[in-house]
PDB file of N, CA and C in Angstrom:
ATOM      1  N   MET A   1     -12.083  -1.208   4.544  1.00  0.00           N
ATOM      2  CA  MET A   1     -10.700  -0.832   4.724  1.00  0.00           C
ATOM      3  C   MET A   1     -10.592  -0.040   6.019  1.00  0.00           C
ATOM      4  N   SER A   2      -9.563  -0.207   6.756  1.00  0.00           N
ATOM      5  CA  SER A   2      -9.436   0.459   8.038  1.00  0.00           C
ATOM      6  C   SER A   2      -8.916   1.871   7.867  1.00  0.00           C
ATOM      7  N   SER A   3      -9.325   2.726   8.774  1.00  0.00           N
ATOM      8  CA  SER A   3      -8.872   4.105   8.777  1.00  0.00           C
ATOM      9  C   SER A   3      -7.510   4.190   9.439  1.00  0.00           C
ATOM     10  N   LEU A   4      -6.643   5.026   8.879  1.00  0.00           N
ATOM     11  CA  LEU A   4      -5.296   5.170   9.442  1.00  0.00           C
ATOM     12  C   LEU A   4      -5.150   6.538  10.096  1.00  0.00           C
ATOM     13  N   SER A   5      -5.786   6.734  11.234  1.00  0.00           N
ATOM     14  CA  SER A   5      -5.616   7.997  11.928  1.00  0.00           C
ATOM     15  C   SER A   5      -4.364   7.922  12.789  1.00  0.00           C
ATOM     16  N   PRO A   6      -3.625   9.014  12.871  1.00  0.00           N
ATOM     17  CA  PRO A   6      -2.345   9.001  13.582  1.00  0.00           C
ATOM     18  C   PRO A   6      -2.429   8.572  15.034  1.00  0.00           C
ATOM     19  N   SER A   7      -3.543   8.859  15.681  1.00  0.00           N
ATOM     20  CA  SER A   7      -3.628   8.541  17.103  1.00  0.00           C
ATOM     21  C   SER A   7      -4.445   7.290  17.385  1.00  0.00           C
ATOM     22  N   SER A   8      -4.853   6.562  16.342  1.00  0.00           N
ATOM     23  CA  SER A   8      -5.751   5.439  16.552  1.00  0.00           C
ATOM     24  C   SER A   8      -5.141   4.315  17.372  1.00  0.00           C
ATOM     25  N   SER A   9      -3.861   4.012  17.177  1.00  0.00           N
ATOM     26  CA  SER A   9      -3.284   2.889  17.916  1.00  0.00           C
ATOM     27  C   SER A   9      -2.145   3.311  18.842  1.00  0.00           C
ATOM     28  N   LEU A  10      -1.801   4.570  18.837  1.00  0.00           N
ATOM     29  CA  LEU A  10      -0.762   5.033  19.762  1.00  0.00           C
ATOM     30  C   LEU A  10      -1.383   5.228  21.136  1.00  0.00           C
ATOM     31  N   SER A  11      -0.651   4.860  22.166  1.00  0.00           N
ATOM     32  CA  SER A  11      -1.192   5.040  23.509  1.00  0.00           C
ATOM     33  C   SER A  11      -1.194   6.521  23.866  1.00  0.00           C
ATOM     34  N   SER A  12      -2.042   6.884  24.799  1.00  0.00           N
ATOM     35  CA  SER A  12      -2.156   8.288  25.177  1.00  0.00           C
ATOM     36  C   SER A  12      -1.165   8.665  26.269  1.00  0.00           C
ATOM     37  N   SER A  13      -0.305   7.746  26.672  1.00  0.00           N
ATOM     38  CA  SER A  13       0.665   8.055  27.724  1.00  0.00           C
ATOM     39  C   SER A  13       1.765   8.954  27.183  1.00  0.00           C
ATOM     40  N   ALA A  14       2.416   9.659  28.076  1.00  0.00           N
ATOM     41  CA  ALA A  14       3.500  10.559  27.696  1.00  0.00           C
ATOM     42  C   ALA A  14       4.660   9.764  27.122  1.00  0.00           C
ATOM     43  N   PRO A  15       5.451  10.356  26.207  1.00  0.00           N
ATOM     44  CA  PRO A  15       6.570   9.642  25.598  1.00  0.00           C
ATOM     45  C   PRO A  15       7.548   9.055  26.604  1.00  0.00           C
ATOM     46  N   SER A  16       7.707   9.684  27.748  1.00  0.00           N
ATOM     47  CA  SER A  16       8.638   9.173  28.751  1.00  0.00           C
ATOM     48  C   SER A  16       8.138   7.878  29.395  1.00  0.00           C
ATOM     49  N   GLU A  17       6.843   7.582  29.245  1.00  0.00           N
ATOM     50  CA  GLU A  17       6.266   6.379  29.842  1.00  0.00           C
ATOM     51  C   GLU A  17       6.250   5.195  28.864  1.00  0.00           C
ATOM     52  N   ILE A  18       6.604   5.423  27.605  1.00  0.00           N
ATOM     53  CA  ILE A  18       6.622   4.356  26.612  1.00  0.00           C
ATOM     54  C   ILE A  18       7.894   3.542  26.785  1.00  0.00           C
ATOM     55  N   ALA A  19       7.742   2.225  26.801  1.00  0.00           N
ATOM     56  CA  ALA A  19       8.891   1.342  26.967  1.00  0.00           C
ATOM     57  C   ALA A  19       9.854   1.526  25.807  1.00  0.00           C
ATOM     58  N   PRO A  20      11.153   1.418  26.067  1.00  0.00           N
ATOM     59  CA  PRO A  20      12.137   1.571  24.992  1.00  0.00           C
ATOM     60  C   PRO A  20      11.867   0.578  23.864  1.00  0.00           C
ATOM     61  N   GLY A  21      11.849   1.082  22.654  1.00  0.00           N
ATOM     62  CA  GLY A  21      11.616   0.235  21.499  1.00  0.00           C
ATOM     63  C   GLY A  21      10.166  -0.013  21.164  1.00  0.00           C
ATOM     64  N   GLN A  22       9.243   0.296  22.080  1.00  0.00           N
ATOM     65  CA  GLN A  22       7.816   0.034  21.840  1.00  0.00           C
ATOM     66  C   GLN A  22       7.300   0.867  20.670  1.00  0.00           C
ATOM     67  N   LEU A  23       7.660   2.133  20.630  1.00  0.00           N
ATOM     68  CA  LEU A  23       7.194   3.003  19.561  1.00  0.00           C
ATOM     69  C   LEU A  23       7.755   2.539  18.215  1.00  0.00           C
ATOM     70  N   LEU A  24       9.030   2.185  18.191  1.00  0.00           N
ATOM     71  CA  LEU A  24       9.636   1.689  16.957  1.00  0.00           C
ATOM     72  C   LEU A  24       8.963   0.408  16.489  1.00  0.00           C
ATOM     73  N   ASP A  25       8.694  -0.503  17.409  1.00  0.00           N
ATOM     74  CA  ASP A  25       8.010  -1.753  17.060  1.00  0.00           C
ATOM     75  C   ASP A  25       6.632  -1.473  16.470  1.00  0.00           C
ATOM     76  N   GLU A  26       5.919  -0.537  17.086  1.00  0.00           N
ATOM     77  CA  GLU A  26       4.584  -0.195  16.598  1.00  0.00           C
ATOM     78  C   GLU A  26       4.653   0.440  15.213  1.00  0.00           C
ATOM     79  N   LEU A  27       5.617   1.334  15.006  1.00  0.00           N
ATOM     80  CA  LEU A  27       5.769   1.966  13.696  1.00  0.00           C
ATOM     81  C   LEU A  27       6.149   0.944  12.629  1.00  0.00           C
ATOM     82  N   GLU A  28       7.004   0.000  12.971  1.00  0.00           N
ATOM     83  CA  GLU A  28       7.379  -1.047  12.021  1.00  0.00           C
ATOM     84  C   GLU A  28       6.174  -1.896  11.654  1.00  0.00           C
ATOM     85  N   GLN A  29       5.328  -2.218  12.621  1.00  0.00           N
ATOM     86  CA  GLN A  29       4.129  -3.012  12.352  1.00  0.00           C
ATOM     87  C   GLN A  29       3.171  -2.250  11.449  1.00  0.00           C
ATOM     88  N   ARG A  30       2.987  -0.972  11.731  1.00  0.00           N
ATOM     89  CA  ARG A  30       2.104  -0.154  10.902  1.00  0.00           C
ATOM     90  C   ARG A  30       2.647  -0.042   9.483  1.00  0.00           C
ATOM     91  N   GLN A  31       3.969   0.105   9.350  1.00  0.00           N
ATOM     92  CA  GLN A  31       4.587   0.167   8.034  1.00  0.00           C
ATOM     93  C   GLN A  31       4.353  -1.143   7.275  1.00  0.00           C
ATOM     94  N   ASN A  32       4.538  -2.265   7.946  1.00  0.00           N
ATOM     95  CA  ASN A  32       4.309  -3.564   7.310  1.00  0.00           C
ATOM     96  C   ASN A  32       2.858  -3.714   6.865  1.00  0.00           C
ATOM     97  N   ASP A  33       1.919  -3.236   7.687  1.00  0.00           N
ATOM     98  CA  ASP A  33       0.502  -3.297   7.333  1.00  0.00           C
ATOM     99  C   ASP A  33       0.221  -2.472   6.076  1.00  0.00           C
ATOM    100  N   VAL A  34       0.769  -1.271   6.010  1.00  0.00           N
ATOM    101  CA  VAL A  34       0.553  -0.399   4.857  1.00  0.00           C
ATOM    102  C   VAL A  34       1.187  -1.007   3.606  1.00  0.00           C
ATOM    103  N   LEU A  35       2.381  -1.562   3.731  1.00  0.00           N
ATOM    104  CA  LEU A  35       3.030  -2.195   2.580  1.00  0.00           C
ATOM    105  C   LEU A  35       2.222  -3.392   2.081  1.00  0.00           C
ATOM    106  N   ALA A  36       1.637  -4.144   2.987  1.00  0.00           N
ATOM    107  CA  ALA A  36       0.792  -5.267   2.592  1.00  0.00           C
ATOM    108  C   ALA A  36      -0.451  -4.770   1.849  1.00  0.00           C
ATOM    109  N   GLN A  37      -1.036  -3.677   2.326  1.00  0.00           N
ATOM    110  CA  GLN A  37      -2.193  -3.099   1.651  1.00  0.00           C
ATOM    111  C   GLN A  37      -1.816  -2.620   0.253  1.00  0.00           C
ATOM    112  N   LEU A  38      -0.633  -2.012   0.115  1.00  0.00           N
ATOM    113  CA  LEU A  38      -0.175  -1.562  -1.194  1.00  0.00           C
ATOM    114  C   LEU A  38       0.026  -2.733  -2.141  1.00  0.00           C
ATOM    115  N   ASP A  39       0.570  -3.834  -1.637  1.00  0.00           N
ATOM    116  CA  ASP A  39       0.745  -5.031  -2.462  1.00  0.00           C
ATOM    117  C   ASP A  39      -0.602  -5.554  -2.950  1.00  0.00           C
ATOM    118  N   GLU A  40      -1.607  -5.555  -2.066  1.00  0.00           N
ATOM    119  CA  GLU A  40      -2.947  -6.004  -2.451  1.00  0.00           C
ATOM    120  C   GLU A  40      -3.538  -5.094  -3.527  1.00  0.00           C
ATOM    121  N   LEU A  41      -3.383  -3.781  -3.354  1.00  0.00           N
ATOM    122  CA  LEU A  41      -3.903  -2.834  -4.341  1.00  0.00           C
ATOM    123  C   LEU A  41      -3.193  -2.988  -5.678  1.00  0.00           C
ATOM    124  N   ASP A  42      -1.884  -3.217  -5.639  1.00  0.00           N
ATOM    125  CA  ASP A  42      -1.127  -3.411  -6.872  1.00  0.00           C
ATOM    126  C   ASP A  42      -1.616  -4.652  -7.608  1.00  0.00           C
ATOM    127  N   ALA A  43      -1.856  -5.727  -6.878  1.00  0.00           N
ATOM    128  CA  ALA A  43      -2.352  -6.956  -7.493  1.00  0.00           C
ATOM    129  C   ALA A  43      -3.732  -6.727  -8.112  1.00  0.00           C
ATOM    130  N   LYS A  44      -4.600  -6.000  -7.412  1.00  0.00           N
ATOM    131  CA  LYS A  44      -5.931  -5.713  -7.948  1.00  0.00           C
ATOM    132  C   LYS A  44      -5.844  -4.842  -9.195  1.00  0.00           C
ATOM    133  N   LEU A  45      -4.985  -3.829  -9.169  1.00  0.00           N
ATOM    134  CA  LEU A  45      -4.821  -2.944 -10.317  1.00  0.00           C
ATOM    135  C   LEU A  45      -4.296  -3.715 -11.521  1.00  0.00           C
ATOM    136  N   THR A  46      -3.329  -4.575 -11.301  1.00  0.00           N
ATOM    137  CA  THR A  46      -2.775  -5.395 -12.376  1.00  0.00           C
ATOM    138  C   THR A  46      -3.848  -6.282 -12.977  1.00  0.00           C
ATOM    139  N   GLU A  47      -4.707  -6.845 -12.128  1.00  0.00           N
ATOM    140  CA  GLU A  47      -5.800  -7.700 -12.605  1.00  0.00           C
ATOM    141  C   GLU A  47      -6.792  -6.904 -13.446  1.00  0.00           C
ATOM    142  N   VAL A  48      -7.129  -5.699 -13.000  1.00  0.00           N
ATOM    143  CA  VAL A  48      -8.053  -4.847 -13.755  1.00  0.00           C
ATOM    144  C   VAL A  48      -7.440  -4.468 -15.101  1.00  0.00           C
ATOM    145  N   LEU A  49      -6.166  -4.092 -15.098  1.00  0.00           N
ATOM    146  CA  LEU A  49      -5.514  -3.714 -16.349  1.00  0.00           C
ATOM    147  C   LEU A  49      -5.451  -4.882 -17.326  1.00  0.00           C
ATOM    148  N   LYS A  50      -5.205  -6.078 -16.809  1.00  0.00           N
ATOM    149  CA  LYS A  50      -5.202  -7.265 -17.676  1.00  0.00           C
ATOM    150  C   LYS A  50      -6.578  -7.455 -18.305  1.00  0.00           C
ATOM    151  N   GLY A  51      -7.621  -7.247 -17.500  1.00  0.00           N
ATOM    152  CA  GLY A  51      -8.981  -7.380 -18.008  1.00  0.00           C
ATOM    153  C   GLY A  51      -9.290  -6.377 -19.099  1.00  0.00           C
ATOM    154  N   LEU A  52      -8.652  -5.212 -19.031  1.00  0.00           N
ATOM    155  CA  LEU A  52      -8.854  -4.182 -20.039  1.00  0.00           C
ATOM    156  C   LEU A  52      -7.907  -4.347 -21.221  1.00  0.00           C
ATOM    157  N   GLY A  53      -6.967  -5.278 -21.101  1.00  0.00           N
ATOM    158  CA  GLY A  53      -5.985  -5.476 -22.167  1.00  0.00           C
ATOM    159  C   GLY A  53      -4.903  -4.426 -22.160  1.00  0.00           C
ATOM    160  N   ALA A  54      -4.685  -3.787 -21.041  1.00  0.00           N
ATOM    161  CA  ALA A  54      -3.666  -2.749 -20.929  1.00  0.00           C
ATOM    162  C   ALA A  54      -2.520  -3.246 -20.061  1.00  0.00           C
ATOM    163  N   THR A  55      -1.382  -2.585 -20.155  1.00  0.00           N
ATOM    164  CA  THR A  55      -0.241  -2.915 -19.313  1.00  0.00           C
ATOM    165  C   THR A  55       0.290  -1.646 -18.665  1.00  0.00           C
ATOM    166  N   MET A  56       1.036  -1.825 -17.608  1.00  0.00           N
ATOM    167  CA  MET A  56       1.672  -0.693 -16.958  1.00  0.00           C
ATOM    168  C   MET A  56       2.947  -0.376 -17.719  1.00  0.00           C
ATOM    169  N   ASP A  57       3.436   0.849 -17.638  1.00  0.00           N
ATOM    170  CA  ASP A  57       4.688   1.218 -18.295  1.00  0.00           C
ATOM    171  C   ASP A  57       5.803   0.291 -17.846  1.00  0.00           C
ATOM    172  N   GLY A  58       6.642  -0.133 -18.798  1.00  0.00           N
ATOM    173  CA  GLY A  58       7.769  -0.985 -18.465  1.00  0.00           C
ATOM    174  C   GLY A  58       7.484  -2.461 -18.622  1.00  0.00           C
ATOM    175  N   GLU A  59       6.231  -2.838 -18.831  1.00  0.00           N
ATOM    176  CA  GLU A  59       5.881  -4.233 -19.041  1.00  0.00           C
ATOM    177  C   GLU A  59       5.724  -4.474 -20.531  1.00  0.00           C
ATOM    178  N   GLU A  60       5.935  -5.722 -20.958  1.00  0.00           N
ATOM    179  CA  GLU A  60       5.730  -6.074 -22.364  1.00  0.00           C
ATOM    180  C   GLU A  60       4.264  -5.939 -22.704  1.00  0.00           C
ATOM    181  N   LYS A  61       4.007  -5.487 -23.909  1.00  0.00           N
ATOM    182  CA  LYS A  61       2.631  -5.327 -24.364  1.00  0.00           C
ATOM    183  C   LYS A  61       2.280  -6.474 -25.305  1.00  0.00           C
ATOM    184  N   ASP A  62       1.015  -6.899 -25.249  1.00  0.00           N
ATOM    185  CA  ASP A  62       0.521  -7.855 -26.237  1.00  0.00           C
ATOM    186  C   ASP A  62       0.332  -7.075 -27.531  1.00  0.00           C
ATOM    187  N   SER A  63       0.634  -7.712 -28.654  1.00  0.00           N
ATOM    188  CA  SER A  63       0.563  -7.012 -29.932  1.00  0.00           C
ATOM    189  C   SER A  63      -0.860  -6.589 -30.275  1.00  0.00           C
ATOM    190  N   ASP A  64      -1.871  -7.328 -29.819  1.00  0.00           N
ATOM    191  CA  ASP A  64      -3.249  -6.980 -30.151  1.00  0.00           C
ATOM    192  C   ASP A  64      -3.969  -6.263 -29.023  1.00  0.00           C
ATOM    193  N   ALA A  65      -3.279  -5.951 -27.937  1.00  0.00           N
ATOM    194  CA  ALA A  65      -3.919  -5.259 -26.810  1.00  0.00           C
ATOM    195  C   ALA A  65      -3.938  -3.762 -27.055  1.00  0.00           C
ATOM    196  N   GLU A  66      -5.053  -3.139 -26.674  1.00  0.00           N
ATOM    197  CA  GLU A  66      -5.184  -1.703 -26.819  1.00  0.00           C
ATOM    198  C   GLU A  66      -4.469  -1.027 -25.649  1.00  0.00           C
ATOM    199  N   GLU A  67      -3.654  -0.024 -25.967  1.00  0.00           N
ATOM    200  CA  GLU A  67      -2.928   0.680 -24.911  1.00  0.00           C
ATOM    201  C   GLU A  67      -3.790   1.805 -24.375  1.00  0.00           C
ATOM    202  N   LEU A  68      -4.008   1.825 -23.067  1.00  0.00           N
ATOM    203  CA  LEU A  68      -4.762   2.884 -22.426  1.00  0.00           C
ATOM    204  C   LEU A  68      -3.803   3.855 -21.784  1.00  0.00           C
ATOM    205  N   PRO A  69      -4.033   5.148 -21.918  1.00  0.00           N
ATOM    206  CA  PRO A  69      -3.127   6.121 -21.292  1.00  0.00           C
ATOM    207  C   PRO A  69      -3.237   6.041 -19.771  1.00  0.00           C
ATOM    208  N   MET A  70      -2.107   6.093 -19.106  1.00  0.00           N
ATOM    209  CA  MET A  70      -2.076   6.057 -17.639  1.00  0.00           C
ATOM    210  C   MET A  70      -2.017   7.490 -17.118  1.00  0.00           C
ATOM    211  N   ALA A  71      -2.865   7.811 -16.159  1.00  0.00           N
ATOM    212  CA  ALA A  71      -2.857   9.147 -15.558  1.00  0.00           C
ATOM    213  C   ALA A  71      -1.616   9.314 -14.707  1.00  0.00           C
ATOM    214  N   ALA A  72      -1.059  10.496 -14.753  1.00  0.00           N
ATOM    215  CA  ALA A  72       0.158  10.774 -13.977  1.00  0.00           C
ATOM    216  C   ALA A  72      -0.166  11.163 -12.571  1.00  0.00           C
TER     217      ALA A  72
END
């Protein structure tokens, strides 16, 4: 998994030297990357919970599935 350090992909030039919209474009791309990672983690978590016979709050439960407490 990649590290998300604040200065890893931002250029070292002064803000006045950044082209208009460049920073916004970069932030939007980083946001999209993080949202994609969250979607992947959610899919993995759902798969693990299915394997354990558990469901997340708000989902229908199987009548014979054991409910595991979810940490807050």
